Amino acid sequence: MKLNKNYWQERYENQETSWDVGRITTPLKEYCDQLTDKTLKILIPGGGNSYEFEYLIQEGFTNVWVLDYAPTPLENIKKRLPNTFESQLLLGDFFDHDGQYDLIIEQTFFCALDPTLRQAYAEKMPKLLSPKGKLVGLLFQFPLTEEGPPFGGSIEEYQNLFSDHFGIKTLETAHNSIKPREDRELFFVFEKK
């Protein structure tokens, strides 16, 4: 199975999107509700239907971008938010993307990548962050196997993977996950070194 653009586009076309809960999840909503600077430049990579983007826009954040390499979810966002600037919906490969962001929100992108790309992800993220930028979101907490996506991992694996590039401020079991993900998600805040 190749987890490429065609694979993901087909999943969206066939509505095989079991990860999509149809709204921003509670851990990310509660984090976003604490943000006071509505001018933060925010990226949501591998954003899919990106209810996080929709929530932030509705809350008055203006510098928010979604990046995905399947066109269908970006079209879905346009349908839900017809007045959104299309320039904020980016079609492309995360590993080819350039930019500088204050905050990158991780929601089911990392776990959808082929695990062989994890090191490249950990090295790419700080390049996209401004000084003192943060990578924030959720990572799955269950044994990493070849079955997936989603692919899991552990606190120890994530510490080893990210600690060269980030100060790990928070990495703990999310206390407010949605029921199907209860005790299977880690909420994290990583600050660029």
N, C-alpha and C. Protein backbone atom coordinates (compact mmCIF):
# COMPACT_ATOMS: atom_id res chain seq x y z
N MET A 1 0.85 -1.19 0.00
CA MET A 1 0.00 0.00 0.00
C MET A 1 0.88 1.24 0.00
N LYS A 2 0.68 2.11 -0.97
CA LYS A 2 1.43 3.36 -1.02
C LYS A 2 0.54 4.48 -0.51
N LEU A 3 1.00 5.13 0.55
CA LEU A 3 0.23 6.21 1.16
C LEU A 3 0.54 7.52 0.42
N ASN A 4 0.17 7.56 -0.84
CA ASN A 4 0.48 8.71 -1.67
C ASN A 4 -0.78 9.54 -1.93
N LYS A 5 -0.62 10.53 -2.78
CA LYS A 5 -1.73 11.44 -3.11
C LYS A 5 -2.95 10.66 -3.62
N ASN A 6 -2.73 9.71 -4.50
CA ASN A 6 -3.83 8.94 -5.07
C ASN A 6 -4.56 8.13 -4.01
N TYR A 7 -3.81 7.55 -3.09
CA TYR A 7 -4.42 6.77 -2.01
C TYR A 7 -5.37 7.65 -1.20
N TRP A 8 -4.90 8.82 -0.79
CA TRP A 8 -5.72 9.69 0.05
C TRP A 8 -6.89 10.29 -0.72
N GLN A 9 -6.66 10.66 -1.97
CA GLN A 9 -7.75 11.19 -2.78
C GLN A 9 -8.86 10.15 -2.92
N GLU A 10 -8.47 8.92 -3.14
CA GLU A 10 -9.46 7.84 -3.27
C GLU A 10 -10.23 7.64 -1.97
N ARG A 11 -9.54 7.73 -0.85
CA ARG A 11 -10.23 7.60 0.44
C ARG A 11 -11.31 8.67 0.59
N TYR A 12 -10.97 9.91 0.22
CA TYR A 12 -11.96 10.99 0.32
C TYR A 12 -13.09 10.79 -0.69
N GLU A 13 -12.76 10.41 -1.90
CA GLU A 13 -13.79 10.21 -2.93
C GLU A 13 -14.77 9.11 -2.52
N ASN A 14 -14.26 8.07 -1.88
CA ASN A 14 -15.10 6.94 -1.45
C ASN A 14 -15.68 7.14 -0.05
N GLN A 15 -15.44 8.30 0.51
CA GLN A 15 -15.89 8.65 1.86
C GLN A 15 -15.45 7.60 2.89
N GLU A 16 -14.22 7.13 2.73
CA GLU A 16 -13.60 6.21 3.69
C GLU A 16 -12.73 7.02 4.62
N THR A 17 -13.39 7.80 5.47
CA THR A 17 -12.68 8.77 6.32
C THR A 17 -13.09 8.58 7.78
N SER A 18 -12.83 7.40 8.28
CA SER A 18 -13.26 7.07 9.65
C SER A 18 -12.59 7.95 10.70
N TRP A 19 -11.47 8.58 10.38
CA TRP A 19 -10.78 9.46 11.32
C TRP A 19 -11.49 10.81 11.46
N ASP A 20 -12.34 11.13 10.51
CA ASP A 20 -12.99 12.44 10.44
C ASP A 20 -14.20 12.45 11.36
N VAL A 21 -14.13 13.22 12.44
CA VAL A 21 -15.24 13.24 13.41
C VAL A 21 -16.24 14.37 13.13
N GLY A 22 -16.00 15.15 12.08
CA GLY A 22 -16.97 16.16 11.67
C GLY A 22 -16.93 17.45 12.45
N ARG A 23 -15.93 17.61 13.30
CA ARG A 23 -15.78 18.83 14.10
C ARG A 23 -14.38 18.85 14.69
N ILE A 24 -13.99 19.99 15.22
CA ILE A 24 -12.71 20.07 15.92
C ILE A 24 -12.81 19.20 17.18
N THR A 25 -11.76 18.45 17.47
CA THR A 25 -11.80 17.60 18.67
C THR A 25 -11.52 18.45 19.92
N THR A 26 -12.00 17.97 21.03
CA THR A 26 -11.94 18.73 22.28
C THR A 26 -10.53 19.17 22.68
N PRO A 27 -9.51 18.30 22.63
CA PRO A 27 -8.18 18.78 23.05
C PRO A 27 -7.69 19.97 22.23
N LEU A 28 -7.92 19.95 20.93
CA LEU A 28 -7.46 21.06 20.09
C LEU A 28 -8.34 22.29 20.28
N LYS A 29 -9.63 22.09 20.45
CA LYS A 29 -10.52 23.23 20.70
C LYS A 29 -10.10 23.95 21.98
N GLU A 30 -9.87 23.19 23.04
CA GLU A 30 -9.50 23.81 24.32
C GLU A 30 -8.15 24.51 24.22
N TYR A 31 -7.22 23.95 23.45
CA TYR A 31 -5.94 24.63 23.25
C TYR A 31 -6.16 25.93 22.48
N CYS A 32 -6.89 25.86 21.39
CA CYS A 32 -7.13 27.05 20.56
C CYS A 32 -7.87 28.13 21.34
N ASP A 33 -8.75 27.73 22.23
CA ASP A 33 -9.50 28.70 23.04
C ASP A 33 -8.59 29.50 23.97
N GLN A 34 -7.38 29.01 24.22
CA GLN A 34 -6.44 29.73 25.08
C GLN A 34 -5.58 30.72 24.30
N LEU A 35 -5.62 30.64 22.99
CA LEU A 35 -4.80 31.54 22.17
C LEU A 35 -5.43 32.92 22.14
N THR A 36 -4.64 33.93 22.43
CA THR A 36 -5.17 35.29 22.46
C THR A 36 -4.73 36.13 21.27
N ASP A 37 -3.62 35.78 20.64
CA ASP A 37 -3.11 36.54 19.50
C ASP A 37 -3.73 36.00 18.21
N LYS A 38 -4.72 36.69 17.70
CA LYS A 38 -5.45 36.22 16.52
C LYS A 38 -4.68 36.47 15.23
N THR A 39 -3.48 37.07 15.34
CA THR A 39 -2.67 37.29 14.15
C THR A 39 -1.61 36.20 13.97
N LEU A 40 -1.57 35.22 14.87
CA LEU A 40 -0.61 34.13 14.73
C LEU A 40 -0.70 33.53 13.34
N LYS A 41 0.44 33.21 12.76
CA LYS A 41 0.46 32.53 11.47
C LYS A 41 0.47 31.03 11.77
N ILE A 42 -0.60 30.35 11.32
CA ILE A 42 -0.85 28.96 11.70
C ILE A 42 -0.94 28.08 10.46
N LEU A 43 -0.30 26.90 10.53
CA LEU A 43 -0.39 25.90 9.47
C LEU A 43 -1.00 24.63 10.05
N ILE A 44 -1.90 24.03 9.27
CA ILE A 44 -2.47 22.72 9.61
C ILE A 44 -2.10 21.79 8.45
N PRO A 45 -0.99 21.05 8.60
CA PRO A 45 -0.54 20.18 7.50
C PRO A 45 -1.31 18.87 7.47
N GLY A 46 -1.47 18.33 6.26
CA GLY A 46 -2.24 17.10 6.12
C GLY A 46 -3.61 17.29 6.74
N GLY A 47 -4.15 18.49 6.54
CA GLY A 47 -5.33 18.93 7.29
C GLY A 47 -6.64 18.26 6.93
N GLY A 48 -6.71 17.63 5.77
CA GLY A 48 -7.97 17.00 5.39
C GLY A 48 -9.11 18.00 5.39
N ASN A 49 -10.24 17.60 5.92
CA ASN A 49 -11.42 18.48 5.99
C ASN A 49 -11.25 19.61 7.00
N SER A 50 -10.26 19.54 7.80
CA SER A 50 -9.78 20.58 8.71
C SER A 50 -10.85 21.41 9.40
N TYR A 51 -11.52 20.76 10.32
CA TYR A 51 -12.47 21.49 11.17
C TYR A 51 -11.73 22.43 12.11
N GLU A 52 -10.43 22.19 12.31
CA GLU A 52 -9.60 23.10 13.09
C GLU A 52 -9.49 24.44 12.37
N PHE A 53 -9.28 24.39 11.07
CA PHE A 53 -9.22 25.61 10.25
C PHE A 53 -10.54 26.36 10.35
N GLU A 54 -11.63 25.64 10.16
CA GLU A 54 -12.95 26.26 10.21
C GLU A 54 -13.18 26.92 11.57
N TYR A 55 -12.83 26.23 12.64
CA TYR A 55 -13.03 26.77 13.99
C TYR A 55 -12.20 28.04 14.19
N LEU A 56 -10.94 27.99 13.80
CA LEU A 56 -10.07 29.15 13.98
C LEU A 56 -10.57 30.36 13.18
N ILE A 57 -10.98 30.13 11.95
CA ILE A 57 -11.50 31.22 11.12
C ILE A 57 -12.74 31.83 11.78
N GLN A 58 -13.63 30.97 12.26
CA GLN A 58 -14.86 31.47 12.90
C GLN A 58 -14.56 32.22 14.19
N GLU A 59 -13.42 31.90 14.82
CA GLU A 59 -13.03 32.58 16.05
C GLU A 59 -12.22 33.85 15.79
N GLY A 60 -12.05 34.21 14.52
CA GLY A 60 -11.40 35.48 14.19
C GLY A 60 -9.93 35.41 13.85
N PHE A 61 -9.37 34.21 13.76
CA PHE A 61 -7.98 34.07 13.33
C PHE A 61 -7.94 34.26 11.82
N THR A 62 -6.98 35.03 11.34
CA THR A 62 -6.97 35.37 9.92
C THR A 62 -5.81 34.76 9.15
N ASN A 63 -4.74 34.37 9.83
CA ASN A 63 -3.54 33.87 9.17
C ASN A 63 -3.41 32.35 9.33
N VAL A 64 -4.42 31.64 8.86
CA VAL A 64 -4.46 30.19 9.02
C VAL A 64 -4.43 29.55 7.64
N TRP A 65 -3.58 28.53 7.48
CA TRP A 65 -3.45 27.80 6.23
C TRP A 65 -3.63 26.31 6.46
N VAL A 66 -4.27 25.66 5.49
CA VAL A 66 -4.40 24.21 5.47
C VAL A 66 -3.59 23.71 4.29
N LEU A 67 -2.83 22.66 4.52
CA LEU A 67 -2.04 22.03 3.46
C LEU A 67 -2.45 20.57 3.35
N ASP A 68 -2.81 20.16 2.16
CA ASP A 68 -3.12 18.74 1.92
C ASP A 68 -2.78 18.44 0.48
N TYR A 69 -2.45 17.18 0.20
CA TYR A 69 -2.19 16.90 -1.20
C TYR A 69 -3.29 16.12 -1.88
N ALA A 70 -4.42 15.98 -1.22
CA ALA A 70 -5.63 15.48 -1.86
C ALA A 70 -6.56 16.67 -2.09
N PRO A 71 -7.03 16.89 -3.31
CA PRO A 71 -7.86 18.07 -3.57
C PRO A 71 -9.26 18.01 -2.95
N THR A 72 -9.85 16.84 -2.81
CA THR A 72 -11.23 16.76 -2.33
C THR A 72 -11.45 17.41 -0.97
N PRO A 73 -10.61 17.16 0.05
CA PRO A 73 -10.89 17.82 1.33
C PRO A 73 -10.80 19.34 1.25
N LEU A 74 -9.91 19.85 0.40
CA LEU A 74 -9.82 21.30 0.25
C LEU A 74 -11.08 21.85 -0.41
N GLU A 75 -11.63 21.10 -1.35
CA GLU A 75 -12.91 21.48 -1.97
C GLU A 75 -14.03 21.45 -0.92
N ASN A 76 -13.98 20.46 -0.03
CA ASN A 76 -14.99 20.37 1.03
C ASN A 76 -14.95 21.60 1.94
N ILE A 77 -13.74 22.07 2.24
CA ILE A 77 -13.61 23.27 3.07
C ILE A 77 -14.20 24.47 2.35
N LYS A 78 -13.93 24.59 1.06
CA LYS A 78 -14.48 25.71 0.27
C LYS A 78 -16.00 25.70 0.30
N LYS A 79 -16.59 24.51 0.26
CA LYS A 79 -18.06 24.41 0.30
C LYS A 79 -18.59 24.85 1.66
N ARG A 80 -17.88 24.48 2.73
CA ARG A 80 -18.34 24.85 4.08
C ARG A 80 -18.09 26.32 4.37
N LEU A 81 -17.00 26.86 3.82
CA LEU A 81 -16.61 28.25 4.07
C LEU A 81 -16.42 28.96 2.73
N PRO A 82 -17.49 29.26 2.04
CA PRO A 82 -17.35 29.82 0.68
C PRO A 82 -16.65 31.17 0.62
N ASN A 83 -16.59 31.90 1.71
CA ASN A 83 -15.95 33.21 1.69
C ASN A 83 -14.48 33.18 2.10
N THR A 84 -13.95 31.98 2.29
CA THR A 84 -12.54 31.84 2.69
C THR A 84 -11.63 32.16 1.51
N PHE A 85 -10.53 32.79 1.80
CA PHE A 85 -9.54 33.05 0.76
C PHE A 85 -8.95 31.73 0.30
N GLU A 86 -9.11 31.45 -0.98
CA GLU A 86 -8.60 30.19 -1.51
C GLU A 86 -7.10 30.07 -1.35
N SER A 87 -6.41 31.20 -1.25
CA SER A 87 -4.96 31.16 -1.11
C SER A 87 -4.54 30.53 0.23
N GLN A 88 -5.47 30.38 1.15
CA GLN A 88 -5.16 29.77 2.44
C GLN A 88 -5.36 28.25 2.44
N LEU A 89 -5.83 27.72 1.33
CA LEU A 89 -6.02 26.28 1.15
C LEU A 89 -4.99 25.82 0.15
N LEU A 90 -3.96 25.16 0.64
CA LEU A 90 -2.79 24.83 -0.16
C LEU A 90 -2.80 23.37 -0.59
N LEU A 91 -2.73 23.14 -1.88
CA LEU A 91 -2.65 21.79 -2.43
C LEU A 91 -1.17 21.50 -2.69
N GLY A 92 -0.63 20.52 -1.99
CA GLY A 92 0.78 20.20 -2.19
C GLY A 92 1.28 19.20 -1.17
N ASP A 93 2.51 18.82 -1.35
CA ASP A 93 3.18 17.85 -0.50
C ASP A 93 3.85 18.58 0.67
N PHE A 94 3.58 18.15 1.85
CA PHE A 94 4.16 18.75 3.05
C PHE A 94 5.68 18.85 2.96
N PHE A 95 6.32 17.82 2.45
CA PHE A 95 7.78 17.80 2.44
C PHE A 95 8.38 18.76 1.41
N ASP A 96 7.55 19.27 0.52
CA ASP A 96 8.00 20.26 -0.46
C ASP A 96 7.59 21.68 -0.05
N HIS A 97 6.85 21.81 1.01
CA HIS A 97 6.29 23.11 1.41
C HIS A 97 7.35 23.99 2.08
N ASP A 98 7.29 25.28 1.77
CA ASP A 98 8.14 26.27 2.42
C ASP A 98 7.25 27.31 3.07
N GLY A 99 7.70 27.89 4.13
CA GLY A 99 6.96 28.93 4.82
C GLY A 99 7.47 29.07 6.24
N GLN A 100 6.99 30.06 6.94
CA GLN A 100 7.35 30.30 8.33
C GLN A 100 6.08 30.54 9.11
N TYR A 101 5.86 29.74 10.13
CA TYR A 101 4.64 29.79 10.91
C TYR A 101 4.97 29.91 12.39
N ASP A 102 4.07 30.55 13.11
CA ASP A 102 4.22 30.67 14.57
C ASP A 102 3.73 29.41 15.27
N LEU A 103 2.77 28.75 14.63
CA LEU A 103 2.13 27.58 15.23
C LEU A 103 1.78 26.59 14.14
N ILE A 104 2.11 25.33 14.36
CA ILE A 104 1.67 24.26 13.46
C ILE A 104 0.82 23.31 14.30
N ILE A 105 -0.36 23.01 13.80
CA ILE A 105 -1.30 22.14 14.51
C ILE A 105 -1.28 20.75 13.87
N GLU A 106 -1.02 19.75 14.70
CA GLU A 106 -0.95 18.36 14.28
C GLU A 106 -2.24 17.64 14.69
N GLN A 107 -2.98 17.17 13.69
CA GLN A 107 -4.20 16.41 13.96
C GLN A 107 -4.32 15.32 12.90
N THR A 108 -3.94 14.12 13.24
CA THR A 108 -4.02 12.91 12.41
C THR A 108 -3.16 12.92 11.14
N PHE A 109 -2.23 13.86 11.02
CA PHE A 109 -1.32 13.85 9.88
C PHE A 109 -0.13 12.91 10.15
N PHE A 110 0.53 13.11 11.26
CA PHE A 110 1.70 12.30 11.60
C PHE A 110 1.37 10.80 11.58
N CYS A 111 0.23 10.44 12.16
CA CYS A 111 -0.15 9.03 12.26
C CYS A 111 -0.54 8.43 10.91
N ALA A 112 -0.79 9.29 9.91
CA ALA A 112 -1.18 8.81 8.59
C ALA A 112 0.03 8.64 7.67
N LEU A 113 1.15 9.19 8.05
CA LEU A 113 2.36 9.06 7.24
C LEU A 113 2.95 7.66 7.38
N ASP A 114 3.57 7.20 6.31
CA ASP A 114 4.34 5.97 6.39
C ASP A 114 5.39 6.18 7.50
N PRO A 115 5.50 5.26 8.44
CA PRO A 115 6.45 5.46 9.55
C PRO A 115 7.88 5.70 9.12
N THR A 116 8.25 5.32 7.90
CA THR A 116 9.61 5.59 7.42
C THR A 116 9.84 7.08 7.21
N LEU A 117 8.77 7.88 7.20
CA LEU A 117 8.89 9.32 6.99
C LEU A 117 8.92 10.11 8.31
N ARG A 118 8.88 9.43 9.43
CA ARG A 118 8.80 10.15 10.70
C ARG A 118 10.03 11.01 10.97
N GLN A 119 11.20 10.51 10.68
CA GLN A 119 12.41 11.31 10.91
C GLN A 119 12.40 12.55 10.02
N ALA A 120 11.98 12.39 8.77
CA ALA A 120 11.89 13.53 7.85
C ALA A 120 10.87 14.55 8.36
N TYR A 121 9.76 14.08 8.93
CA TYR A 121 8.75 14.97 9.51
C TYR A 121 9.37 15.77 10.66
N ALA A 122 10.07 15.07 11.55
CA ALA A 122 10.68 15.73 12.71
C ALA A 122 11.73 16.76 12.29
N GLU A 123 12.40 16.53 11.19
CA GLU A 123 13.40 17.47 10.69
C GLU A 123 12.78 18.63 9.91
N LYS A 124 11.65 18.38 9.25
CA LYS A 124 10.99 19.40 8.44
C LYS A 124 10.25 20.43 9.32
N MET A 125 9.61 19.97 10.38
CA MET A 125 8.78 20.86 11.19
C MET A 125 9.52 22.09 11.70
N PRO A 126 10.70 21.97 12.29
CA PRO A 126 11.36 23.20 12.77
C PRO A 126 11.73 24.16 11.65
N LYS A 127 11.93 23.65 10.44
CA LYS A 127 12.23 24.53 9.31
C LYS A 127 11.04 25.39 8.94
N LEU A 128 9.83 24.94 9.28
CA LEU A 128 8.62 25.68 8.96
C LEU A 128 8.18 26.62 10.09
N LEU A 129 8.88 26.54 11.21
CA LEU A 129 8.50 27.35 12.37
C LEU A 129 9.40 28.56 12.52
N SER A 130 8.80 29.66 12.90
CA SER A 130 9.56 30.87 13.21
C SER A 130 10.29 30.64 14.54
N PRO A 131 11.26 31.49 14.87
CA PRO A 131 11.90 31.36 16.18
C PRO A 131 10.83 31.36 17.27
N LYS A 132 10.96 30.48 18.22
CA LYS A 132 10.00 30.30 19.32
C LYS A 132 8.66 29.75 18.84
N GLY A 133 8.62 29.24 17.60
CA GLY A 133 7.40 28.63 17.09
C GLY A 133 7.09 27.33 17.81
N LYS A 134 5.82 26.92 17.72
CA LYS A 134 5.37 25.72 18.42
C LYS A 134 4.69 24.74 17.47
N LEU A 135 4.92 23.48 17.73
CA LEU A 135 4.20 22.38 17.11
C LEU A 135 3.32 21.80 18.20
N VAL A 136 2.00 21.80 17.97
CA VAL A 136 1.04 21.42 19.00
C VAL A 136 0.02 20.46 18.41
N GLY A 137 -0.40 19.49 19.18
CA GLY A 137 -1.46 18.63 18.69
C GLY A 137 -1.56 17.32 19.42
N LEU A 138 -1.93 16.31 18.65
CA LEU A 138 -2.20 14.99 19.21
C LEU A 138 -1.42 13.93 18.44
N LEU A 139 -0.88 12.98 19.17
CA LEU A 139 -0.21 11.82 18.59
C LEU A 139 -0.86 10.58 19.19
N PHE A 140 -0.97 9.53 18.39
CA PHE A 140 -1.57 8.32 18.92
C PHE A 140 -0.63 7.58 19.85
N GLN A 141 -1.22 6.97 20.85
CA GLN A 141 -0.50 6.23 21.89
C GLN A 141 -1.00 4.79 21.88
N PHE A 142 -0.45 4.01 20.98
CA PHE A 142 -0.67 2.56 20.96
C PHE A 142 0.49 1.98 20.17
N PRO A 143 0.77 0.70 20.33
CA PRO A 143 1.99 0.14 19.74
C PRO A 143 2.07 0.37 18.23
N LEU A 144 3.26 0.74 17.80
CA LEU A 144 3.54 0.94 16.39
C LEU A 144 3.67 -0.42 15.72
N THR A 145 2.81 -0.67 14.77
CA THR A 145 2.86 -1.91 13.99
C THR A 145 2.85 -1.53 12.52
N GLU A 146 2.88 -2.53 11.65
CA GLU A 146 2.81 -2.26 10.22
C GLU A 146 1.37 -2.04 9.77
N GLU A 147 0.42 -2.30 10.66
CA GLU A 147 -0.98 -2.08 10.32
C GLU A 147 -1.30 -0.61 10.48
N GLY A 148 -1.91 -0.07 9.51
CA GLY A 148 -2.30 1.32 9.54
C GLY A 148 -2.44 1.83 8.13
N PRO A 149 -2.75 3.06 7.94
CA PRO A 149 -2.92 4.07 8.97
C PRO A 149 -4.23 3.89 9.74
N PRO A 150 -4.30 4.42 10.96
CA PRO A 150 -3.27 5.20 11.65
C PRO A 150 -2.17 4.31 12.23
N PHE A 151 -1.00 4.92 12.36
CA PHE A 151 0.14 4.26 12.97
C PHE A 151 0.35 4.86 14.35
N GLY A 152 0.67 4.03 15.30
CA GLY A 152 0.82 4.48 16.68
C GLY A 152 2.26 4.78 17.05
N GLY A 153 2.48 4.80 18.35
CA GLY A 153 3.79 5.07 18.91
C GLY A 153 3.66 5.25 20.41
N SER A 154 4.78 5.57 21.04
CA SER A 154 4.80 5.73 22.49
C SER A 154 5.48 7.04 22.87
N ILE A 155 5.31 7.42 24.12
CA ILE A 155 5.96 8.63 24.62
C ILE A 155 7.47 8.55 24.39
N GLU A 156 8.05 7.40 24.69
CA GLU A 156 9.50 7.24 24.55
C GLU A 156 9.94 7.42 23.10
N GLU A 157 9.19 6.83 22.17
CA GLU A 157 9.53 6.98 20.75
C GLU A 157 9.45 8.44 20.33
N TYR A 158 8.40 9.13 20.76
CA TYR A 158 8.21 10.53 20.37
C TYR A 158 9.28 11.42 21.00
N GLN A 159 9.65 11.14 22.25
CA GLN A 159 10.72 11.91 22.88
C GLN A 159 12.01 11.75 22.10
N ASN A 160 12.34 10.52 21.74
CA ASN A 160 13.57 10.26 20.98
C ASN A 160 13.54 10.93 19.61
N LEU A 161 12.38 10.92 18.98
CA LEU A 161 12.25 11.46 17.64
C LEU A 161 12.33 12.99 17.60
N PHE A 162 11.70 13.65 18.58
CA PHE A 162 11.55 15.10 18.51
C PHE A 162 12.53 15.90 19.37
N SER A 163 13.19 15.29 20.34
CA SER A 163 13.96 16.06 21.31
C SER A 163 15.19 16.75 20.72
N ASP A 164 15.70 16.30 19.59
CA ASP A 164 16.84 16.99 18.97
C ASP A 164 16.44 18.36 18.42
N HIS A 165 15.19 18.50 18.04
CA HIS A 165 14.74 19.72 17.36
C HIS A 165 13.81 20.59 18.20
N PHE A 166 13.27 20.01 19.26
CA PHE A 166 12.26 20.72 20.05
C PHE A 166 12.49 20.58 21.54
N GLY A 167 12.10 21.61 22.26
CA GLY A 167 11.94 21.48 23.70
C GLY A 167 10.56 20.89 23.94
N ILE A 168 10.51 19.79 24.64
CA ILE A 168 9.22 19.12 24.88
C ILE A 168 8.61 19.73 26.13
N LYS A 169 7.62 20.59 25.94
CA LYS A 169 6.95 21.27 27.05
C LYS A 169 5.85 20.42 27.64
N THR A 170 5.10 19.73 26.78
CA THR A 170 4.02 18.86 27.22
C THR A 170 3.99 17.64 26.31
N LEU A 171 3.86 16.46 26.89
CA LEU A 171 3.67 15.21 26.16
C LEU A 171 3.03 14.24 27.14
N GLU A 172 1.70 14.23 27.13
CA GLU A 172 0.98 13.44 28.14
C GLU A 172 -0.34 12.95 27.58
N THR A 173 -0.87 11.92 28.20
CA THR A 173 -2.16 11.38 27.78
C THR A 173 -3.20 12.49 27.84
N ALA A 174 -3.90 12.67 26.74
CA ALA A 174 -4.94 13.70 26.69
C ALA A 174 -6.06 13.32 27.67
N HIS A 175 -6.48 14.28 28.48
CA HIS A 175 -7.53 14.01 29.47
C HIS A 175 -8.93 14.26 28.90
N ASN A 176 -8.99 14.79 27.68
CA ASN A 176 -10.28 15.20 27.13
C ASN A 176 -10.49 14.69 25.70
N SER A 177 -9.94 13.52 25.39
CA SER A 177 -10.11 12.93 24.06
C SER A 177 -11.57 12.58 23.81
N ILE A 178 -11.92 12.49 22.54
CA ILE A 178 -13.25 11.98 22.22
C ILE A 178 -13.28 10.50 22.59
N LYS A 179 -14.46 9.97 22.88
CA LYS A 179 -14.60 8.60 23.40
C LYS A 179 -13.82 7.54 22.63
N PRO A 180 -13.94 7.49 21.29
CA PRO A 180 -13.22 6.41 20.58
C PRO A 180 -11.70 6.48 20.72
N ARG A 181 -11.18 7.64 21.11
CA ARG A 181 -9.72 7.80 21.21
C ARG A 181 -9.25 7.92 22.66
N GLU A 182 -10.15 7.70 23.59
CA GLU A 182 -9.84 7.86 25.01
C GLU A 182 -8.66 6.97 25.40
N ASP A 183 -7.68 7.57 26.09
CA ASP A 183 -6.46 6.90 26.56
C ASP A 183 -5.56 6.43 25.41
N ARG A 184 -5.86 6.85 24.18
CA ARG A 184 -5.05 6.46 23.04
C ARG A 184 -4.38 7.66 22.38
N GLU A 185 -4.55 8.85 22.97
CA GLU A 185 -3.97 10.06 22.40
C GLU A 185 -3.05 10.74 23.40
N LEU A 186 -1.98 11.29 22.88
CA LEU A 186 -1.09 12.12 23.67
C LEU A 186 -1.24 13.56 23.18
N PHE A 187 -1.49 14.47 24.11
CA PHE A 187 -1.49 15.90 23.76
C PHE A 187 -0.07 16.40 23.94
N PHE A 188 0.40 17.21 23.00
CA PHE A 188 1.77 17.68 23.11
C PHE A 188 1.90 19.13 22.72
N VAL A 189 2.91 19.77 23.31
CA VAL A 189 3.36 21.09 22.93
C VAL A 189 4.88 21.02 22.82
N PHE A 190 5.39 21.19 21.61
CA PHE A 190 6.83 21.19 21.36
C PHE A 190 7.22 22.59 20.92
N GLU A 191 8.27 23.14 21.52
CA GLU A 191 8.76 24.46 21.14
C GLU A 191 10.07 24.31 20.38
N LYS A 192 10.16 25.03 19.28
CA LYS A 192 11.37 24.98 18.46
C LYS A 192 12.58 25.42 19.27
N LYS A 193 13.66 24.65 19.16
CA LYS A 193 14.91 25.00 19.86
C LYS A 193 15.62 26.11 19.14
